[in-house]
Amino acid sequence: MRGTNLPDPCGARVLVAGQEQICMVASDYLCDAPDSTGQRKTCDAAVCEAHAHEIGRNRHLCPACHLKRRDADQQRGLFTSLV
Protein backbone atom coordinates (compact mmCIF):
# COMPACT_ATOMS: atom_id res chain seq x y z
CA MET A 1 0.00 0.00 0.00
CA ARG A 2 1.49 3.30 -1.04
CA GLY A 3 2.21 5.96 1.58
CA THR A 4 2.18 3.56 4.55
CA ASN A 5 5.10 4.01 6.92
CA LEU A 6 5.72 0.64 8.50
CA PRO A 7 8.44 0.30 11.15
CA ASP A 8 11.69 -1.35 10.14
CA PRO A 9 11.95 -5.04 11.07
CA CYS A 10 13.89 -6.08 14.16
CA GLY A 11 17.44 -7.02 13.21
CA ALA A 12 18.16 -9.20 16.27
CA ARG A 13 19.75 -12.53 15.48
CA VAL A 14 17.88 -15.51 16.95
CA LEU A 15 18.32 -19.29 16.88
CA VAL A 16 15.46 -21.24 15.33
CA ALA A 17 15.90 -25.02 15.27
CA GLY A 18 19.64 -24.52 15.75
CA GLN A 19 19.99 -22.10 12.83
CA GLU A 20 20.69 -18.39 13.16
CA GLN A 21 18.02 -16.17 11.63
CA ILE A 22 16.99 -12.52 11.86
CA CYS A 23 13.89 -11.74 13.97
CA MET A 24 12.08 -9.59 11.35
CA VAL A 25 9.20 -8.64 13.71
CA ALA A 26 8.10 -5.00 13.34
CA SER A 27 10.32 -2.89 15.57
CA ASP A 28 9.03 -0.97 18.56
CA TYR A 29 12.24 0.93 19.36
CA LEU A 30 15.53 2.19 18.01
CA CYS A 31 18.74 1.48 19.92
CA ASP A 32 19.84 4.45 22.06
CA ALA A 33 23.48 3.40 22.54
CA PRO A 34 26.15 5.84 21.35
CA ASP A 35 27.18 5.09 17.75
CA SER A 36 30.68 3.62 17.63
CA THR A 37 31.30 4.67 14.00
CA GLY A 38 30.81 8.40 14.60
CA GLN A 39 28.30 8.61 11.74
CA ARG A 40 25.30 9.25 14.01
CA LYS A 41 24.67 10.14 17.64
CA THR A 42 23.05 6.77 18.44
CA CYS A 43 23.17 3.23 17.04
CA ASP A 44 19.52 3.43 15.87
CA ALA A 45 19.25 -0.32 15.18
CA ALA A 46 15.60 -1.35 14.90
CA VAL A 47 14.60 -3.67 17.75
CA CYS A 48 11.28 -5.30 18.75
CA GLU A 49 9.79 -5.44 22.25
CA ALA A 50 11.10 -8.97 22.84
CA HIS A 51 14.74 -8.12 22.02
CA ALA A 52 14.98 -4.58 23.45
CA HIS A 53 16.86 -4.13 26.71
CA GLU A 54 15.39 -1.21 28.66
CA ILE A 55 18.07 0.91 30.34
CA GLY A 56 15.93 3.87 31.38
CA ARG A 57 12.73 5.69 30.68
CA ASN A 58 12.18 5.43 26.92
CA ARG A 59 15.79 4.25 26.45
CA HIS A 60 16.55 0.86 24.94
CA LEU A 61 19.52 -1.10 23.64
CA CYS A 62 19.71 -3.62 20.84
CA PRO A 63 21.17 -7.02 21.81
CA ALA A 64 24.63 -6.21 20.35
CA CYS A 65 24.95 -2.89 22.23
CA HIS A 66 23.59 -4.52 25.40
CA LEU A 67 26.38 -7.14 25.25
CA LYS A 68 29.03 -4.47 24.66
CA ARG A 69 27.75 -2.48 27.63
CA ARG A 70 27.55 -5.59 29.82
CA ASP A 71 31.08 -6.70 28.91
CA ALA A 72 32.45 -3.20 29.59
CA ASP A 73 31.19 -3.38 33.20
CA GLN A 74 34.35 -3.91 35.29
CA GLN A 75 32.45 -5.43 38.21
CA ARG A 76 30.85 -8.09 36.02
CA GLY A 77 33.58 -10.55 37.00
CA LEU A 78 32.65 -10.30 40.68
CA PHE A 79 29.34 -12.11 40.16
CA THR A 80 28.12 -15.14 38.29
CA SER A 81 24.81 -15.52 36.59
CA LEU A 82 22.57 -18.45 37.49
CA VAL A 83 20.35 -18.03 34.44
C-alpha atoms as a PDB file:
ATOM      1  CA  MET A   1       0.000   0.000   0.000  1.00  0.00           C
ATOM      2  CA  ARG A   2       1.491   3.297  -1.043  1.00  0.00           C
ATOM      3  CA  GLY A   3       2.213   5.956   1.580  1.00  0.00           C
ATOM      4  CA  THR A   4       2.175   3.565   4.548  1.00  0.00           C
ATOM      5  CA  ASN A   5       5.099   4.009   6.917  1.00  0.00           C
ATOM      6  CA  LEU A   6       5.720   0.638   8.503  1.00  0.00           C
ATOM      7  CA  PRO A   7       8.435   0.302  11.148  1.00  0.00           C
ATOM      8  CA  ASP A   8      11.688  -1.352  10.136  1.00  0.00           C
ATOM      9  CA  PRO A   9      11.947  -5.038  11.072  1.00  0.00           C
ATOM     10  CA  CYS A  10      13.889  -6.078  14.160  1.00  0.00           C
ATOM     11  CA  GLY A  11      17.439  -7.022  13.209  1.00  0.00           C
ATOM     12  CA  ALA A  12      18.164  -9.196  16.272  1.00  0.00           C
ATOM     13  CA  ARG A  13      19.750 -12.533  15.477  1.00  0.00           C
ATOM     14  CA  VAL A  14      17.880 -15.515  16.952  1.00  0.00           C
ATOM     15  CA  LEU A  15      18.324 -19.288  16.881  1.00  0.00           C
ATOM     16  CA  VAL A  16      15.460 -21.239  15.326  1.00  0.00           C
ATOM     17  CA  ALA A  17      15.900 -25.020  15.271  1.00  0.00           C
ATOM     18  CA  GLY A  18      19.644 -24.516  15.755  1.00  0.00           C
ATOM     19  CA  GLN A  19      19.992 -22.103  12.833  1.00  0.00           C
ATOM     20  CA  GLU A  20      20.694 -18.390  13.158  1.00  0.00           C
ATOM     21  CA  GLN A  21      18.016 -16.167  11.632  1.00  0.00           C
ATOM     22  CA  ILE A  22      16.989 -12.521  11.859  1.00  0.00           C
ATOM     23  CA  CYS A  23      13.892 -11.743  13.973  1.00  0.00           C
ATOM     24  CA  MET A  24      12.077  -9.588  11.346  1.00  0.00           C
ATOM     25  CA  VAL A  25       9.202  -8.644  13.714  1.00  0.00           C
ATOM     26  CA  ALA A  26       8.099  -5.003  13.336  1.00  0.00           C
ATOM     27  CA  SER A  27      10.324  -2.889  15.566  1.00  0.00           C
ATOM     28  CA  ASP A  28       9.034  -0.973  18.560  1.00  0.00           C
ATOM     29  CA  TYR A  29      12.237   0.928  19.358  1.00  0.00           C
ATOM     30  CA  LEU A  30      15.527   2.191  18.007  1.00  0.00           C
ATOM     31  CA  CYS A  31      18.741   1.484  19.921  1.00  0.00           C
ATOM     32  CA  ASP A  32      19.840   4.447  22.059  1.00  0.00           C
ATOM     33  CA  ALA A  33      23.481   3.399  22.538  1.00  0.00           C
ATOM     34  CA  PRO A  34      26.150   5.839  21.350  1.00  0.00           C
ATOM     35  CA  ASP A  35      27.178   5.087  17.747  1.00  0.00           C
ATOM     36  CA  SER A  36      30.683   3.619  17.625  1.00  0.00           C
ATOM     37  CA  THR A  37      31.303   4.669  14.002  1.00  0.00           C
ATOM     38  CA  GLY A  38      30.811   8.397  14.598  1.00  0.00           C
ATOM     39  CA  GLN A  39      28.300   8.611  11.740  1.00  0.00           C
ATOM     40  CA  ARG A  40      25.299   9.250  14.013  1.00  0.00           C
ATOM     41  CA  LYS A  41      24.665  10.142  17.639  1.00  0.00           C
ATOM     42  CA  THR A  42      23.050   6.774  18.439  1.00  0.00           C
ATOM     43  CA  CYS A  43      23.175   3.232  17.037  1.00  0.00           C
ATOM     44  CA  ASP A  44      19.515   3.428  15.868  1.00  0.00           C
ATOM     45  CA  ALA A  45      19.249  -0.317  15.177  1.00  0.00           C
ATOM     46  CA  ALA A  46      15.600  -1.353  14.896  1.00  0.00           C
ATOM     47  CA  VAL A  47      14.597  -3.668  17.747  1.00  0.00           C
ATOM     48  CA  CYS A  48      11.284  -5.297  18.752  1.00  0.00           C
ATOM     49  CA  GLU A  49       9.786  -5.436  22.254  1.00  0.00           C
ATOM     50  CA  ALA A  50      11.097  -8.971  22.838  1.00  0.00           C
ATOM     51  CA  HIS A  51      14.738  -8.119  22.024  1.00  0.00           C
ATOM     52  CA  ALA A  52      14.982  -4.582  23.448  1.00  0.00           C
ATOM     53  CA  HIS A  53      16.865  -4.134  26.709  1.00  0.00           C
ATOM     54  CA  GLU A  54      15.390  -1.215  28.665  1.00  0.00           C
ATOM     55  CA  ILE A  55      18.065   0.907  30.338  1.00  0.00           C
ATOM     56  CA  GLY A  56      15.928   3.867  31.382  1.00  0.00           C
ATOM     57  CA  ARG A  57      12.727   5.686  30.683  1.00  0.00           C
ATOM     58  CA  ASN A  58      12.178   5.430  26.918  1.00  0.00           C
ATOM     59  CA  ARG A  59      15.790   4.253  26.445  1.00  0.00           C
ATOM     60  CA  HIS A  60      16.551   0.858  24.937  1.00  0.00           C
ATOM     61  CA  LEU A  61      19.523  -1.101  23.636  1.00  0.00           C
ATOM     62  CA  CYS A  62      19.714  -3.620  20.837  1.00  0.00           C
ATOM     63  CA  PRO A  63      21.173  -7.025  21.807  1.00  0.00           C
ATOM     64  CA  ALA A  64      24.629  -6.207  20.355  1.00  0.00           C
ATOM     65  CA  CYS A  65      24.955  -2.890  22.232  1.00  0.00           C
ATOM     66  CA  HIS A  66      23.590  -4.524  25.397  1.00  0.00           C
ATOM     67  CA  LEU A  67      26.377  -7.140  25.251  1.00  0.00           C
ATOM     68  CA  LYS A  68      29.033  -4.467  24.656  1.00  0.00           C
ATOM     69  CA  ARG A  69      27.752  -2.477  27.626  1.00  0.00           C
ATOM     70  CA  ARG A  70      27.551  -5.585  29.824  1.00  0.00           C
ATOM     71  CA  ASP A  71      31.079  -6.698  28.909  1.00  0.00           C
ATOM     72  CA  ALA A  72      32.445  -3.205  29.594  1.00  0.00           C
ATOM     73  CA  ASP A  73      31.191  -3.379  33.200  1.00  0.00           C
ATOM     74  CA  GLN A  74      34.350  -3.912  35.286  1.00  0.00           C
ATOM     75  CA  GLN A  75      32.450  -5.432  38.214  1.00  0.00           C
ATOM     76  CA  ARG A  76      30.853  -8.087  36.018  1.00  0.00           C
ATOM     77  CA  GLY A  77      33.584 -10.549  36.997  1.00  0.00           C
ATOM     78  CA  LEU A  78      32.646 -10.305  40.676  1.00  0.00           C
ATOM     79  CA  PHE A  79      29.344 -12.110  40.158  1.00  0.00           C
ATOM     80  CA  THR A  80      28.123 -15.144  38.288  1.00  0.00           C
ATOM     81  CA  SER A  81      24.806 -15.520  36.586  1.00  0.00           C
ATOM     82  CA  LEU A  82      22.574 -18.448  37.492  1.00  0.00           C
ATOM     83  CA  VAL A  83      20.351 -18.027  34.441  1.00  0.00           C
END
